[in-house]
């Protein structure tokens, strides 16, 4: 079934009882050419592009829970391509181009809204840093506009521009930035992969990785053993745990990042706004809720929940930037597990085990990278060569010290990125 305006109308008039299943629910086969561990946004997009771009369909995606139930469904939905460093800038630009054609490619409404993103700055030093970042974005072929104080006030009149401690000097405007519906992205890729013959196997936890003679031969799961010529690990905050099954020790720490949403309100925030001094970011969803977040909880954890001091910290930053937010009632919060790398940039590479591939270390950048990550990881798995847009994301950079990409300039502490 193809989705269309006519189908939405027809199904609505008949009680929405005639929709076909979006994807199959197959039992796992004994063997596949490729097994992808992880049914989140990155795993599903990898499977989709393996089938679409490389014609490989004897693939299984193994998800221990349900599709879209991990970090891809636990984030603040921001999409942007405003990175500064070589390697990162090219990758996120590549991912943004895929975002812009995604709905037509999948024939699925992922609610991608290019409403524009504004990073505020609050000092001369921050302004100079954003000028450099904006120039890098333009040189890469992306968009960037430097706004002064009055330029920001025209777009964002509801902010507190005269706060004593952190007055707003201006902002870097990225018009092509915006948001998308997180779970719809997972569902769209799942449907697209399934239609091309990929098996999406839910409630199938991987409990071991089989290796013989330095080469991967398959996986052990809660639903039996599965043989495979190639195995890809793309499990976000669980990367260290799954890699340990293959005897690998990764330079990854897992931390909790909380996100929050208020009750539904009338449209008031047209853009995505990032507060330069409070690590606070906010947008408004299609249902009217204000969606916002801030810092990590600053302790390593595999629990998808946070702590109350960080709730207070994020709320204080929001109140400092826009006092009007104090009138909104917080509806709910959730926590996603972030796989934090030492330099804050991701890893897309082969491992020392032949046939075993790794995709992790996305830190805060995981959701916006979903199309680019899947596209580049699929290229690596299919050809055993890195995609040009992700050539800098080598695992060995942490062992050699060459090619580190510290976008934030905060050093090797995972939790600071």
Protein backbone atom coordinates (compact mmCIF):
# COMPACT_ATOMS: atom_id res chain seq x y z
CA UNK A 1 0.00 0.00 0.00
CA UNK A 2 1.28 3.44 -0.92
CA UNK A 3 0.42 6.31 1.41
CA UNK A 4 -1.40 9.26 -0.12
CA UNK A 5 -3.92 11.93 0.78
CA UNK A 6 -6.66 9.84 -0.82
CA UNK A 7 -5.75 6.80 1.31
CA UNK A 8 -5.82 8.89 4.50
CA UNK A 9 -9.30 10.16 3.60
CA UNK A 10 -10.63 6.75 2.56
CA UNK A 11 -9.28 4.99 5.64
CA UNK A 12 -10.62 7.71 7.91
CA UNK A 13 -14.11 7.29 6.48
CA UNK A 14 -13.98 3.52 7.10
CA UNK A 15 -12.68 3.59 10.68
CA UNK A 16 -8.99 3.00 9.79
CA UNK A 17 -9.64 -0.76 9.73
CA UNK A 18 -8.25 -1.53 6.25
CA UNK A 19 -4.66 -0.40 6.57
CA UNK A 20 -2.22 -3.11 5.50
CA UNK A 21 0.58 -4.11 7.88
CA UNK A 22 3.52 -1.75 7.48
CA UNK A 23 6.06 -4.61 7.65
CA UNK A 24 6.18 -8.38 8.12
CA UNK A 25 6.91 -10.17 11.40
CA UNK A 26 9.11 -13.05 10.16
CA UNK A 27 10.74 -15.81 12.16
CA UNK A 28 14.55 -15.75 11.94
CA UNK A 29 16.16 -17.97 9.33
CA UNK A 30 19.15 -20.18 10.09
CA UNK A 31 21.54 -18.01 8.06
CA UNK A 32 21.84 -14.61 6.38
CA UNK A 33 24.47 -12.83 4.36
CA UNK A 34 24.37 -9.89 6.78
CA UNK A 35 23.05 -9.58 10.32
CA UNK A 36 22.54 -6.08 11.74
CA UNK A 37 22.39 -5.93 15.53
CA UNK A 38 20.13 -3.04 16.51
CA UNK A 39 16.73 -2.00 15.15
CA UNK A 40 16.95 1.71 15.85
CA UNK A 41 17.20 4.51 13.29
CA UNK A 42 20.80 3.75 12.32
CA UNK A 43 20.30 -0.01 12.01
CA UNK A 44 17.11 0.32 9.99
CA UNK A 45 18.58 2.96 7.66
CA UNK A 46 21.64 0.75 7.14
CA UNK A 47 19.42 -2.18 6.12
CA UNK A 48 17.38 0.06 3.82
CA UNK A 49 20.41 1.44 1.97
CA UNK A 50 22.05 -1.99 1.71
CA UNK A 51 18.96 -3.15 -0.13
CA UNK A 52 18.27 0.01 -2.13
CA UNK A 53 21.80 1.09 -3.08
CA UNK A 54 23.64 -2.25 -3.17
CA UNK A 55 20.95 -4.81 -3.99
CA UNK A 56 21.63 -6.88 -0.86
CA UNK A 57 18.45 -8.31 0.62
CA UNK A 58 19.41 -11.50 2.49
CA UNK A 59 19.65 -9.39 5.64
CA UNK A 60 18.26 -9.63 9.15
CA UNK A 61 17.86 -6.71 11.57
CA UNK A 62 17.79 -8.05 15.13
CA UNK A 63 16.09 -5.91 17.78
CA UNK A 64 15.82 -7.06 21.39
CA UNK A 65 12.66 -5.01 21.94
CA UNK A 66 10.42 -3.33 19.37
CA UNK A 67 11.46 -1.23 16.40
CA UNK A 68 11.91 2.41 17.34
CA UNK A 69 11.81 1.72 21.09
CA UNK A 70 15.36 2.83 21.91
CA UNK A 71 17.17 6.14 21.56
CA UNK A 72 15.57 6.90 18.17
CA UNK A 73 12.29 7.32 20.07
CA UNK A 74 13.93 9.17 22.98
CA UNK A 75 15.39 12.42 21.64
CA UNK A 76 14.50 16.01 20.85
CA UNK A 77 14.17 15.39 17.07
CA UNK A 78 16.61 18.10 15.89
CA UNK A 79 18.04 17.93 12.36
CA UNK A 80 20.98 20.17 11.43
CA UNK A 81 24.20 20.46 9.41
CA UNK A 82 26.08 23.19 11.28
CA UNK A 83 29.34 21.46 12.17
CA UNK A 84 32.76 23.11 11.99
CA UNK A 85 35.54 20.52 11.73
CA UNK A 86 36.77 18.76 8.61
CA UNK A 87 35.16 15.34 8.50
CA UNK A 88 32.16 16.29 10.59
CA UNK A 89 31.12 19.15 8.29
CA UNK A 90 31.16 16.95 5.20
CA UNK A 91 29.30 14.09 6.88
CA UNK A 92 26.43 16.12 8.30
CA UNK A 93 26.08 18.02 5.03
CA UNK A 94 25.73 14.63 3.30
CA UNK A 95 23.13 13.57 5.86
CA UNK A 96 21.15 16.79 5.43
CA UNK A 97 20.85 16.22 1.68
CA UNK A 98 19.45 12.75 2.38
CA UNK A 99 16.97 14.23 4.86
CA UNK A 100 15.70 16.65 2.23
CA UNK A 101 14.73 13.83 -0.13
CA UNK A 102 13.77 11.28 2.50
CA UNK A 103 9.98 11.51 2.43
CA UNK A 104 9.85 11.14 -1.34
CA UNK A 105 12.37 8.30 -1.22
CA UNK A 106 10.44 6.37 1.45
CA UNK A 107 6.94 7.50 0.40
CA UNK A 108 6.42 8.09 4.09
CA UNK A 109 5.69 11.27 6.05
CA UNK A 110 8.49 11.65 8.61
CA UNK A 111 7.30 15.21 9.34
CA UNK A 112 10.63 16.75 8.37
CA UNK A 113 10.21 20.48 9.05
CA UNK A 114 13.02 22.82 7.95
CA UNK A 115 11.89 25.59 10.27
CA UNK A 116 15.40 26.93 10.85
CA UNK A 117 17.79 26.63 13.79
CA UNK A 118 19.34 29.56 15.66
CA UNK A 119 22.39 29.16 17.92
CA UNK A 120 22.53 32.16 20.25
CA UNK A 121 25.81 33.73 21.35
CA UNK A 122 26.43 35.84 24.45
CA UNK A 123 29.95 37.26 24.20
CA UNK A 124 32.43 38.60 21.68
CA UNK A 125 34.35 35.31 21.85
CA UNK A 126 31.25 33.24 21.12
CA UNK A 127 30.37 35.53 18.21
CA UNK A 128 33.83 35.09 16.69
CA UNK A 129 33.56 31.30 17.07
CA UNK A 130 30.19 31.28 15.31
CA UNK A 131 31.55 33.47 12.51
CA UNK A 132 34.20 30.81 11.87
CA UNK A 133 31.60 28.05 12.06
CA UNK A 134 29.28 29.88 9.66
CA UNK A 135 32.09 30.38 7.16
CA UNK A 136 32.91 26.66 7.30
CA UNK A 137 29.25 25.81 6.71
CA UNK A 138 29.08 28.11 3.68
CA UNK A 139 32.34 26.75 2.27
CA UNK A 140 30.87 23.26 2.62
CA UNK A 141 27.84 24.36 0.58
CA UNK A 142 25.40 24.69 3.46
CA UNK A 143 23.58 27.77 4.70
CA UNK A 144 24.50 30.13 7.53
CA UNK A 145 23.40 33.67 8.36
CA UNK A 146 24.94 35.74 11.17
CA UNK A 147 22.26 37.67 13.06
CA UNK A 148 22.93 40.63 15.32
CA UNK A 149 20.86 41.37 18.40
CA UNK A 150 18.08 43.09 16.49
CA UNK A 151 18.06 40.38 13.84
CA UNK A 152 17.41 37.82 16.57
CA UNK A 153 14.77 40.01 18.16
CA UNK A 154 12.77 40.10 14.91
CA UNK A 155 12.65 36.30 14.74
CA UNK A 156 12.58 35.55 18.49
CA UNK A 157 10.85 38.48 20.22
CA UNK A 158 9.93 36.45 23.32
CA UNK A 159 13.50 35.91 24.62
CA UNK A 160 15.00 37.86 27.52
CA UNK A 161 17.57 40.02 25.73
CA UNK A 162 18.56 42.08 28.75
CA UNK A 163 19.39 39.39 31.29
CA UNK A 164 22.27 40.71 33.37
CA UNK A 165 24.53 37.65 33.35
CA UNK A 166 24.20 36.37 29.77
CA UNK A 167 22.80 39.10 27.47
CA UNK A 168 22.04 37.96 23.94
CA UNK A 169 24.52 39.40 21.42
CA UNK A 170 23.09 37.65 18.36
CA UNK A 171 22.86 34.22 16.76
CA UNK A 172 23.96 31.97 13.90
CA UNK A 173 20.90 31.16 11.79
CA UNK A 174 20.83 27.83 9.91
CA UNK A 175 17.62 28.03 7.81
CA UNK A 176 17.76 24.42 6.56
CA UNK A 177 17.91 23.07 10.10
CA UNK A 178 14.76 21.91 11.84
CA UNK A 179 13.06 18.82 13.22
CA UNK A 180 11.51 15.51 12.20
CA UNK A 181 9.20 13.02 13.91
CA UNK A 182 11.60 10.55 15.56
CA UNK A 183 9.53 7.36 15.56
CA UNK A 184 8.16 8.07 12.08
CA UNK A 185 11.75 8.05 10.80
CA UNK A 186 12.24 4.57 12.26
CA UNK A 187 8.91 3.36 10.86
CA UNK A 188 9.60 4.77 7.41
CA UNK A 189 12.97 3.05 7.15
CA UNK A 190 11.52 -0.18 8.56
CA UNK A 191 8.75 -0.21 5.96
CA UNK A 192 11.20 0.58 3.16
CA UNK A 193 13.64 -2.16 4.18
CA UNK A 194 10.86 -4.72 4.60
CA UNK A 195 9.46 -3.99 1.14
CA UNK A 196 12.89 -4.81 -0.29
CA UNK A 197 13.01 -8.20 1.43
CA UNK A 198 14.92 -7.46 4.64
CA UNK A 199 13.78 -9.48 7.69
CA UNK A 200 13.03 -7.24 10.67
CA UNK A 201 13.06 -9.51 13.71
CA UNK A 202 11.76 -8.00 16.93
CA UNK A 203 12.05 -9.44 20.47
CA UNK A 204 15.32 -11.11 19.46
CA UNK A 205 18.16 -10.28 21.85
CA UNK A 206 21.72 -11.03 20.78
CA UNK A 207 23.49 -12.95 23.56
CA UNK A 208 26.76 -13.81 21.83
CA UNK A 209 28.86 -13.27 18.70
CA UNK A 210 30.45 -16.36 17.13
CA UNK A 211 34.05 -16.02 15.90
CA UNK A 212 36.24 -18.70 14.35
CA UNK A 213 39.80 -18.19 13.12
CA UNK A 214 39.58 -14.42 13.51
CA UNK A 215 36.40 -14.20 11.42
CA UNK A 216 32.79 -13.68 12.48
CA UNK A 217 30.51 -16.63 11.68
CA UNK A 218 27.22 -15.62 13.23
CA UNK A 219 25.39 -14.67 16.42
CA UNK A 220 23.66 -16.35 19.32
CA UNK A 221 20.22 -14.94 20.14
CA UNK A 222 17.28 -15.49 22.46
CA UNK A 223 15.58 -17.10 19.45
CA UNK A 224 18.43 -19.42 18.50
CA UNK A 225 21.72 -19.31 16.61
CA UNK A 226 21.95 -17.42 13.30
CA UNK A 227 24.88 -17.85 10.90
CA UNK A 228 26.13 -14.84 8.96
CA UNK A 229 29.03 -13.84 6.72
CA UNK A 230 28.97 -10.30 8.03
CA UNK A 231 27.72 -8.83 11.31
CA UNK A 232 27.18 -5.12 12.00
CA UNK A 233 26.94 -3.67 15.52
CA UNK A 234 24.83 -0.49 15.66
CA UNK A 235 23.26 -0.38 19.11
CA UNK A 236 23.95 3.18 20.38
CA UNK A 237 24.30 3.20 24.18
CA UNK A 238 24.73 -0.57 24.31
CA UNK A 239 27.77 -0.56 22.00
CA UNK A 240 30.34 -1.46 24.66
CA UNK A 241 28.24 -4.35 25.96
CA UNK A 242 27.61 -5.90 22.54
CA UNK A 243 31.20 -5.35 21.34
CA UNK A 244 32.45 -7.13 24.47
CA UNK A 245 30.73 -10.28 23.17
CA UNK A 246 33.34 -10.24 20.39
CA UNK A 247 36.21 -9.53 22.78
CA UNK A 248 36.39 -5.83 21.85
CA UNK A 249 36.93 -3.00 24.33
CA UNK A 250 35.61 0.27 22.93
CA UNK A 251 36.51 3.87 23.83
CA UNK A 252 32.85 4.50 24.70
CA UNK A 253 30.99 5.56 27.85
CA UNK A 254 27.20 5.44 28.08
CA UNK A 255 25.38 8.38 29.65
CA UNK A 256 21.76 9.42 30.10
CA UNK A 257 20.39 12.46 28.27
CA UNK A 258 16.97 13.63 29.40
CA UNK A 259 14.36 15.36 27.26
CA UNK A 260 11.11 17.06 28.24
CA UNK A 261 7.80 18.11 26.73
CA UNK A 262 5.08 20.44 27.98
CA UNK A 263 1.35 20.40 27.52
CA UNK A 264 0.09 21.41 24.08
CA UNK A 265 0.13 25.17 23.46
CA UNK A 266 -0.78 27.49 20.62
CA UNK A 267 2.06 28.00 18.09
CA UNK A 268 4.61 30.33 19.61
CA UNK A 269 8.12 28.99 18.78
CA UNK A 270 8.66 28.84 15.03
CA UNK A 271 12.33 27.77 15.07
CA UNK A 272 14.72 25.53 16.95
CA UNK A 273 16.63 27.63 19.49
CA UNK A 274 19.91 26.76 21.19
CA UNK A 275 21.01 28.77 24.25
CA UNK A 276 24.74 29.39 24.07
CA UNK A 277 25.37 29.73 27.81
CA UNK A 278 22.88 27.33 29.36
CA UNK A 279 23.11 24.25 27.10
CA UNK A 280 19.37 24.48 26.57
CA UNK A 281 17.58 23.82 23.28
CA UNK A 282 13.90 24.01 22.45
CA UNK A 283 11.37 23.66 19.64
CA UNK A 284 7.60 23.21 19.40
CA UNK A 285 6.05 19.99 18.13
CA UNK A 286 3.19 19.69 15.67
CA UNK A 287 0.91 18.84 18.61
CA UNK A 288 1.89 22.06 20.38
CA UNK A 289 4.15 20.70 23.11
CA UNK A 290 7.40 22.53 23.80
CA UNK A 291 10.18 19.94 23.38
CA UNK A 292 13.43 20.79 25.14
CA UNK A 293 16.58 19.39 26.73
CA UNK A 294 19.99 20.29 28.08
CA UNK A 295 23.07 18.64 29.56
CA UNK A 296 23.74 14.97 30.16
CA UNK A 297 23.14 13.72 33.69
CA UNK A 298 26.96 13.52 34.07
CA UNK A 299 27.26 9.96 35.31
CA UNK A 300 27.67 6.75 33.34
CA UNK A 301 24.49 4.67 33.20
CA UNK A 302 22.55 2.19 31.09
CA UNK A 303 19.22 3.26 32.62
CA UNK A 304 16.83 5.09 30.28
CA UNK A 305 15.77 7.49 33.01
CA UNK A 306 17.31 10.55 34.61
CA UNK A 307 17.53 12.40 37.90
CA UNK A 308 15.67 15.34 39.41
CA UNK A 309 18.66 17.73 39.81
CA UNK A 310 19.09 17.74 36.02
CA UNK A 311 15.38 18.44 35.58
CA UNK A 312 15.86 21.52 37.76
CA UNK A 313 19.04 22.52 35.90
CA UNK A 314 17.36 22.39 32.48
CA UNK A 315 14.26 24.21 33.74
CA UNK A 316 16.43 26.98 35.21
CA UNK A 317 18.21 27.45 31.86
CA UNK A 318 14.85 27.65 30.08
CA UNK A 319 13.53 30.21 32.55
CA UNK A 320 16.69 32.32 32.16
CA UNK A 321 16.40 32.39 28.37
CA UNK A 322 12.63 32.76 28.06
CA UNK A 323 10.77 33.48 31.31
CA UNK A 324 7.43 32.81 29.58
CA UNK A 325 8.18 29.06 29.67
CA UNK A 326 7.38 29.15 33.39
CA UNK A 327 3.68 29.35 32.52
CA UNK A 328 3.75 25.97 30.76
CA UNK A 329 3.16 22.73 32.64
CA UNK A 330 5.67 19.95 32.02
CA UNK A 331 3.83 16.90 30.74
CA UNK A 332 6.49 14.20 30.71
CA UNK A 333 10.21 13.45 30.43
CA UNK A 334 12.30 10.56 29.16
CA UNK A 335 15.93 9.50 28.99
CA UNK A 336 17.98 8.20 26.08
CA UNK A 337 21.30 6.36 26.45
CA UNK A 338 24.10 8.24 24.68
CA UNK A 339 27.23 6.41 23.47
CA UNK A 340 29.88 9.03 24.20
CA UNK A 341 33.24 8.89 22.40
CA UNK A 342 36.38 10.63 23.73
CA UNK A 343 36.44 13.29 20.99
CA UNK A 344 32.67 13.65 20.60
CA UNK A 345 32.65 12.30 17.03
CA UNK A 346 31.34 8.94 15.82
CA UNK A 347 32.97 5.68 14.70
CA UNK A 348 32.05 3.94 11.41
CA UNK A 349 34.67 1.31 10.70
CA UNK A 350 35.65 -2.32 10.37
CA UNK A 351 36.96 -4.05 13.47
CA UNK A 352 39.96 -6.35 13.96
CA UNK A 353 37.56 -9.29 13.55
CA UNK A 354 37.05 -10.01 9.86
CA UNK A 355 33.44 -9.49 8.82
CA UNK A 356 32.53 -7.51 11.97
CA UNK A 357 31.61 -3.84 11.54
CA UNK A 358 31.01 -1.07 14.07
CA UNK A 359 28.84 2.05 14.09
CA UNK A 360 28.77 3.97 17.40
CA UNK A 361 29.91 7.03 19.35
CA UNK A 362 27.22 9.44 18.14
CA UNK A 363 27.00 11.40 21.39
CA UNK A 364 24.34 14.11 20.92
CA UNK A 365 24.41 13.77 17.12
CA UNK A 366 22.65 10.45 16.61
CA UNK A 367 19.21 11.46 15.39
CA UNK A 368 20.28 14.07 12.87
CA UNK A 369 22.78 11.54 11.48
CA UNK A 370 20.31 8.70 10.84
CA UNK A 371 20.19 8.95 7.01
CA UNK A 372 23.90 9.70 6.58
CA UNK A 373 24.97 7.04 9.06
CA UNK A 374 22.91 4.32 7.40
CA UNK A 375 24.00 5.37 3.92
CA UNK A 376 27.72 5.40 4.81
CA UNK A 377 27.61 2.26 6.97
CA UNK A 378 25.83 0.35 4.21
CA UNK A 379 28.57 1.40 1.77
CA UNK A 380 31.26 0.16 4.16
CA UNK A 381 29.55 -3.20 4.75
CA UNK A 382 28.84 -3.79 1.07
CA UNK A 383 32.22 -2.73 -0.36
CA UNK A 384 34.63 -2.93 2.60
CA UNK A 385 35.66 0.64 1.76
CA UNK A 386 34.67 3.73 3.76
CA UNK A 387 32.27 6.16 2.15
CA UNK A 388 33.96 9.48 1.33
CA UNK A 389 31.62 11.38 3.67
CA UNK A 390 32.59 9.17 6.64
CA UNK A 391 36.24 8.46 5.83
CA UNK A 392 37.42 10.31 8.95
CA UNK A 393 35.44 8.15 11.38
CA UNK A 394 38.17 5.55 11.89
CA UNK A 395 38.32 3.56 15.12
CA UNK A 396 42.13 3.62 15.27
CA UNK A 397 42.25 7.40 15.77
CA UNK A 398 41.91 6.85 19.51
CA UNK A 399 44.91 4.49 19.59
CA UNK A 400 47.16 6.64 17.40
CA UNK A 401 45.99 10.14 18.36
CA UNK A 402 45.84 11.05 14.66
CA UNK A 403 42.66 12.47 13.20
CA UNK A 404 40.81 13.24 16.43
CA UNK A 405 37.76 15.44 15.80
CA UNK A 406 37.00 17.33 18.99
CA UNK A 407 34.11 19.49 17.78
CA UNK A 408 33.46 20.97 21.23
CA UNK A 409 37.11 21.41 22.21
CA UNK A 410 36.46 19.81 25.59
CA UNK A 411 39.16 17.14 25.60
CA UNK A 412 38.95 13.43 26.15
CA UNK A 413 36.26 13.29 28.84
CA UNK A 414 33.35 11.43 27.25
CA UNK A 415 30.67 13.12 29.33
CA UNK A 416 31.75 16.64 28.31
CA UNK A 417 30.84 16.13 24.66
